[in-house]
N, C-alpha and C. Protein backbone atom coordinates (compact mmCIF):
# COMPACT_ATOMS: atom_id res chain seq x y z
N MET A 1 2.98 -20.62 25.28
CA MET A 1 3.37 -19.80 24.37
C MET A 1 2.37 -20.20 23.14
N GLN A 2 2.11 -19.01 22.59
CA GLN A 2 0.90 -19.28 21.27
C GLN A 2 2.20 -19.59 19.66
N PRO A 3 1.47 -20.36 19.13
CA PRO A 3 2.34 -20.35 17.59
C PRO A 3 2.46 -18.91 17.15
N ILE A 4 3.17 -19.25 16.20
CA ILE A 4 3.69 -17.64 15.96
C ILE A 4 4.11 -18.18 14.23
N THR A 5 3.33 -17.30 13.16
CA THR A 5 3.96 -18.08 12.00
C THR A 5 4.33 -16.69 11.31
N PRO A 6 4.49 -16.50 10.05
CA PRO A 6 4.89 -14.93 9.81
C PRO A 6 3.60 -14.65 8.98
N LEU A 7 3.24 -13.66 8.83
CA LEU A 7 2.09 -12.65 8.32
C LEU A 7 2.33 -12.64 6.53
N LYS A 8 1.51 -12.39 6.14
CA LYS A 8 1.39 -12.25 4.90
C LYS A 8 2.58 -11.17 3.99
N ASN A 9 3.63 -11.01 3.33
CA ASN A 9 4.41 -9.65 3.19
C ASN A 9 4.90 -9.65 4.10
N GLU A 10 5.57 -10.43 5.18
CA GLU A 10 6.19 -9.95 6.61
C GLU A 10 7.40 -10.29 6.05
N THR A 11 8.79 -9.40 6.15
CA THR A 11 9.71 -9.37 5.74
C THR A 11 10.55 -10.18 7.17
N PRO A 12 11.48 -11.18 6.44
CA PRO A 12 12.33 -11.83 7.92
C PRO A 12 12.55 -10.73 9.10
N LEU A 13 12.98 -9.20 8.95
CA LEU A 13 13.46 -8.56 9.95
C LEU A 13 12.14 -8.12 10.99
N ASP A 14 10.81 -8.00 10.11
CA ASP A 14 9.50 -7.76 10.77
C ASP A 14 9.01 -8.84 11.23
N PHE A 15 9.44 -10.20 10.92
CA PHE A 15 9.03 -11.37 11.80
C PHE A 15 9.88 -11.37 12.88
N VAL A 16 11.32 -11.16 12.51
CA VAL A 16 11.80 -11.31 14.13
C VAL A 16 11.54 -10.53 15.11
N GLU A 17 11.50 -8.67 14.75
CA GLU A 17 10.66 -7.94 15.56
C GLU A 17 9.32 -8.27 16.45
N ARG A 18 8.83 -9.04 15.44
CA ARG A 18 7.36 -9.32 16.16
C ARG A 18 7.72 -10.39 17.13
N ALA A 19 8.67 -11.20 16.81
CA ALA A 19 8.80 -12.36 17.77
C ALA A 19 9.42 -12.04 19.17
N ASP A 20 9.85 -10.96 18.70
CA ASP A 20 11.12 -10.50 19.76
C ASP A 20 9.74 -10.26 20.89
N GLU A 21 9.14 -9.25 20.42
CA GLU A 21 8.12 -8.42 20.88
C GLU A 21 7.23 -9.55 21.78
N LEU A 22 6.78 -10.51 21.39
CA LEU A 22 6.03 -11.67 22.01
C LEU A 22 7.03 -12.34 22.75
N ASN A 23 8.17 -11.82 23.07
CA ASN A 23 9.48 -13.31 24.15
C ASN A 23 9.28 -14.30 23.38
N VAL A 24 9.10 -14.55 22.05
CA VAL A 24 9.16 -16.50 21.33
C VAL A 24 10.85 -16.75 21.53
N ASP A 25 10.98 -17.72 21.86
CA ASP A 25 12.12 -18.58 22.06
C ASP A 25 13.00 -18.30 20.78
N GLY A 26 14.25 -17.97 20.73
CA GLY A 26 15.10 -18.06 19.90
C GLY A 26 15.23 -18.98 18.92
N VAL A 27 14.73 -20.43 19.73
CA VAL A 27 15.13 -21.30 18.86
C VAL A 27 13.89 -21.54 17.50
N VAL A 28 13.09 -21.21 18.43
CA VAL A 28 11.56 -21.40 17.60
C VAL A 28 11.73 -20.02 16.45
N ILE A 29 12.08 -19.06 16.87
CA ILE A 29 12.48 -18.13 15.56
C ILE A 29 13.33 -18.95 14.85
N ASP A 30 14.56 -19.40 14.90
CA ASP A 30 15.52 -19.99 13.94
C ASP A 30 14.65 -20.81 12.69
N THR A 31 13.69 -21.70 13.79
CA THR A 31 13.16 -22.81 12.90
C THR A 31 12.14 -22.18 11.84
N ILE A 32 11.38 -21.21 12.26
CA ILE A 32 10.93 -20.48 11.56
C ILE A 32 11.92 -19.43 10.37
N LEU A 33 12.43 -18.79 10.52
CA LEU A 33 13.21 -18.52 9.86
C LEU A 33 14.22 -19.69 8.48
N GLU A 34 14.23 -20.72 8.86
CA GLU A 34 14.69 -21.81 8.29
C GLU A 34 13.45 -22.03 6.94
N GLU A 35 12.33 -22.42 7.54
CA GLU A 35 11.39 -22.68 7.05
C GLU A 35 10.64 -22.09 6.16
N PHE A 36 10.24 -21.02 6.51
CA PHE A 36 9.13 -19.89 5.58
C PHE A 36 10.34 -19.15 4.67
N TYR A 37 11.58 -18.83 5.41
CA TYR A 37 12.63 -18.20 4.67
C TYR A 37 13.12 -18.47 3.64
N SER A 38 13.63 -19.48 4.56
CA SER A 38 14.85 -20.62 3.63
C SER A 38 16.26 -19.90 4.53
N LEU A 39 16.43 -19.48 5.12
CA LEU A 39 17.36 -18.98 5.91
C LEU A 39 18.41 -20.19 6.70
N ARG A 40 19.33 -20.35 6.40
CA ARG A 40 19.60 -21.56 6.90
C ARG A 40 21.20 -21.26 7.81
N ASP A 41 21.98 -20.28 6.66
CA ASP A 41 23.23 -19.97 7.57
C ASP A 41 23.11 -19.35 8.87
N ASP A 42 23.50 -19.83 9.76
CA ASP A 42 23.44 -19.03 11.22
C ASP A 42 24.05 -18.02 10.98
N GLY A 43 25.58 -17.46 10.38
CA GLY A 43 25.77 -16.32 10.64
C GLY A 43 24.97 -15.36 10.46
N GLU A 44 23.41 -15.43 9.10
CA GLU A 44 23.09 -14.70 8.52
C GLU A 44 21.62 -14.40 9.38
N ILE A 45 21.72 -15.38 10.29
CA ILE A 45 20.35 -15.56 11.08
C ILE A 45 20.63 -14.96 12.14
N LYS A 46 22.03 -14.58 12.13
CA LYS A 46 22.38 -13.78 13.78
C LYS A 46 22.19 -12.19 13.31
N LYS A 47 22.89 -12.13 12.01
CA LYS A 47 23.27 -10.94 12.07
C LYS A 47 21.35 -10.27 11.70
N LEU A 48 20.61 -10.68 11.31
CA LEU A 48 19.21 -10.54 11.02
C LEU A 48 18.89 -10.05 12.68
N LYS A 49 18.85 -11.47 13.29
CA LYS A 49 18.25 -11.11 14.89
C LYS A 49 19.06 -9.60 15.50
N LEU A 50 20.15 -9.29 15.07
CA LEU A 50 20.70 -8.37 15.93
C LEU A 50 20.25 -7.12 15.40
N ARG A 51 19.68 -6.89 14.13
CA ARG A 51 19.31 -5.92 13.69
C ARG A 51 17.43 -5.61 14.22
N SER A 52 17.12 -6.40 15.42
CA SER A 52 16.03 -6.25 15.85
C SER A 52 15.78 -5.20 16.74
N ALA A 53 14.94 -4.38 16.84
CA ALA A 53 14.69 -3.27 17.52
C ALA A 53 14.57 -3.77 18.90
N PRO A 54 13.50 -4.29 18.81
CA PRO A 54 13.05 -4.86 20.31
C PRO A 54 14.01 -5.82 21.02
N PHE A 55 14.80 -6.32 20.27
CA PHE A 55 15.91 -7.00 21.24
C PHE A 55 17.02 -6.30 21.83
N TRP A 56 17.17 -5.26 20.96
CA TRP A 56 18.30 -4.08 21.58
C TRP A 56 17.65 -3.15 22.62
N GLU A 57 15.99 -2.80 22.43
CA GLU A 57 15.48 -1.87 23.66
C GLU A 57 15.29 -3.41 24.88
N GLN A 58 14.85 -4.19 24.89
CA GLN A 58 15.44 -5.25 25.92
C GLN A 58 16.85 -5.18 26.62
N PHE A 59 17.57 -5.15 25.79
CA PHE A 59 19.19 -5.47 26.27
C PHE A 59 19.39 -4.39 26.63
N TYR A 60 19.00 -3.07 26.16
CA TYR A 60 19.32 -1.68 26.61
C TYR A 60 19.04 -1.74 27.93
N ARG A 61 17.62 -1.92 27.83
CA ARG A 61 16.72 -1.91 29.67
C ARG A 61 17.10 -3.13 30.99
N ASN A 62 17.65 -4.04 29.90
CA ASN A 62 17.98 -4.73 31.18
C ASN A 62 19.69 -4.42 31.69
N HIS A 63 20.35 -3.97 30.90
CA HIS A 63 21.82 -3.30 31.38
C HIS A 63 21.57 -1.95 32.27
N ALA A 64 20.75 -1.41 31.84
CA ALA A 64 20.75 -0.27 32.81
C ALA A 64 20.03 -0.47 34.12
N THR A 65 18.81 -1.45 33.85
CA THR A 65 18.42 -1.67 35.30
C THR A 65 19.63 -2.49 36.14
N ASN A 66 20.08 -3.55 35.65
CA ASN A 66 21.49 -3.76 36.61
C ASN A 66 22.20 -2.77 36.82
N LEU A 67 22.71 -1.73 36.20
CA LEU A 67 23.11 -0.69 36.87
C LEU A 67 22.39 -0.11 37.89
N PHE A 68 21.34 0.18 37.59
CA PHE A 68 20.58 0.86 39.05
C PHE A 68 20.65 -0.01 40.02
N GLN A 69 20.12 -0.99 40.18
CA GLN A 69 20.41 -1.98 41.00
C GLN A 69 21.51 -2.08 42.13
N ARG A 70 22.70 -1.73 41.08
CA ARG A 70 23.85 -1.74 42.18
C ARG A 70 24.68 -0.42 42.21
N GLY A 71 23.56 0.62 41.91
CA GLY A 71 23.58 2.06 42.59
C GLY A 71 24.69 2.73 41.51
N ALA A 72 24.69 2.62 40.72
CA ALA A 72 25.80 3.07 39.54
C ALA A 72 25.19 4.71 38.95
N ALA A 73 25.81 4.64 38.39
CA ALA A 73 25.47 6.45 38.05
C ALA A 73 24.71 6.73 36.88
N LYS A 74 23.61 7.25 36.52
CA LYS A 74 22.87 7.49 35.18
C LYS A 74 24.01 7.32 34.15
N TYR A 75 24.53 8.43 34.13
CA TYR A 75 25.64 8.20 33.19
C TYR A 75 25.87 7.11 32.19
N ALA A 76 25.92 6.12 33.16
CA ALA A 76 27.14 4.63 32.92
C ALA A 76 26.12 3.81 31.84
N ALA A 77 24.88 4.43 32.53
CA ALA A 77 23.65 3.81 31.48
C ALA A 77 23.64 4.18 30.46
N LEU A 78 23.77 5.94 30.11
CA LEU A 78 23.62 6.56 29.02
C LEU A 78 24.44 6.29 27.96
N ASN A 79 25.82 6.21 28.56
CA ASN A 79 27.38 6.14 27.91
C ASN A 79 27.43 4.90 27.36
N PHE A 80 26.96 3.61 27.85
CA PHE A 80 26.79 2.28 27.47
C PHE A 80 26.20 2.58 26.04
N ILE A 81 24.57 3.01 26.29
CA ILE A 81 23.63 2.77 25.25
C ILE A 81 23.93 3.44 24.28
N ARG A 82 24.90 4.68 24.53
CA ARG A 82 25.26 5.43 23.17
C ARG A 82 26.21 4.79 22.80
N ARG A 83 27.10 4.00 23.37
CA ARG A 83 28.25 3.54 22.70
C ARG A 83 27.77 2.10 21.51
N LYS A 84 26.76 1.46 21.96
CA LYS A 84 26.30 0.58 21.16
C LYS A 84 25.28 0.97 20.03
N ASN A 85 24.67 2.08 20.44
CA ASN A 85 23.74 2.43 19.34
C ASN A 85 23.78 2.28 18.14
N GLY A 86 23.27 1.15 17.29
CA GLY A 86 23.56 1.17 16.27
C GLY A 86 24.59 0.38 15.59
N ALA A 87 25.23 -0.33 16.72
CA ALA A 87 26.57 -0.87 16.22
C ALA A 87 26.12 -2.37 15.54
N SER A 88 25.14 -2.69 15.35
CA SER A 88 25.28 -3.77 14.72
C SER A 88 24.15 -3.69 13.52
N GLY A 89 23.67 -2.56 13.22
CA GLY A 89 22.83 -2.39 11.87
C GLY A 89 21.67 -2.09 12.20
N GLN A 90 21.12 -2.19 13.84
CA GLN A 90 19.86 -1.60 14.16
C GLN A 90 19.53 -0.20 14.04
N LYS A 91 17.87 -0.08 13.84
CA LYS A 91 17.84 1.20 14.04
C LYS A 91 18.07 2.23 15.09
N MET A 92 19.05 3.19 14.76
CA MET A 92 19.02 3.72 15.95
C MET A 92 18.69 4.47 16.84
N LEU A 93 18.60 4.45 18.31
CA LEU A 93 17.83 5.43 18.95
C LEU A 93 18.49 6.91 19.29
N SER A 94 17.30 7.87 19.21
CA SER A 94 17.72 9.24 19.42
C SER A 94 18.10 9.28 20.70
N ASP A 95 18.52 10.77 21.12
CA ASP A 95 18.80 11.02 22.53
C ASP A 95 18.01 10.95 23.41
N GLN A 96 16.32 11.52 22.88
CA GLN A 96 15.63 11.37 23.91
C GLN A 96 15.12 10.08 24.44
N GLU A 97 15.16 9.08 22.96
CA GLU A 97 14.62 7.65 23.44
C GLU A 97 15.50 6.89 24.24
N ILE A 98 16.60 7.38 24.19
CA ILE A 98 17.99 6.61 25.15
C ILE A 98 17.41 7.20 26.74
N GLU A 99 17.44 8.63 26.71
CA GLU A 99 16.98 9.15 27.89
C GLU A 99 16.00 8.37 28.52
N ASP A 100 14.82 8.52 27.57
CA ASP A 100 13.13 7.71 28.35
C ASP A 100 13.98 6.47 29.20
N LEU A 101 14.38 5.66 27.73
CA LEU A 101 14.55 4.19 28.39
C LEU A 101 15.42 4.04 29.70
N VAL A 102 16.57 5.18 29.51
CA VAL A 102 17.00 4.91 31.14
C VAL A 102 16.24 5.45 32.28
N GLU A 103 15.79 6.44 31.75
CA GLU A 103 14.50 6.99 33.20
C GLU A 103 13.54 6.12 33.47
N SER A 104 13.14 5.33 32.42
CA SER A 104 12.10 4.25 32.85
C SER A 104 12.45 3.13 33.85
N VAL A 105 13.93 2.91 34.14
CA VAL A 105 14.16 1.74 34.98
C VAL A 105 14.01 2.46 36.51
N GLY A 106 13.71 4.06 36.90
CA GLY A 106 13.39 4.20 37.97
C GLY A 106 14.02 5.56 38.35
N VAL A 107 14.25 6.03 39.46
CA VAL A 107 14.71 7.34 40.13
C VAL A 107 16.26 7.03 40.32
N TRP A 108 17.24 7.71 39.33
CA TRP A 108 18.63 7.75 39.81
C TRP A 108 19.12 8.35 40.65
N ARG A 109 20.15 8.03 41.21
CA ARG A 109 20.80 8.64 42.43
C ARG A 109 21.60 9.91 41.87
N ARG A 110 21.59 10.81 42.52
CA ARG A 110 21.88 12.28 41.99
C ARG A 110 23.35 12.36 42.76
């Protein structure tokens, strides 16, 4: 894994999102948030990390993939994502973004 440090003028959320895109280990992210941003409260760090758009995209994709592999209906994946969309303060996905994400896992049975 390559070392990662915050960029100049990068907010804590921007840093977490960039780290999530690079698949940086959560412990490493926590350490950097503490060292560079003086965030020490585990609850605040968790809230921040739950606002990361890349985290949620991967979470939704993994869930949709699991449903797809089990032969579930596309509706189940769409409904799950729509229910969770924005629930933790993260940027909400549009209906089209949700549809595209679900479609990206494969050709669903009809």
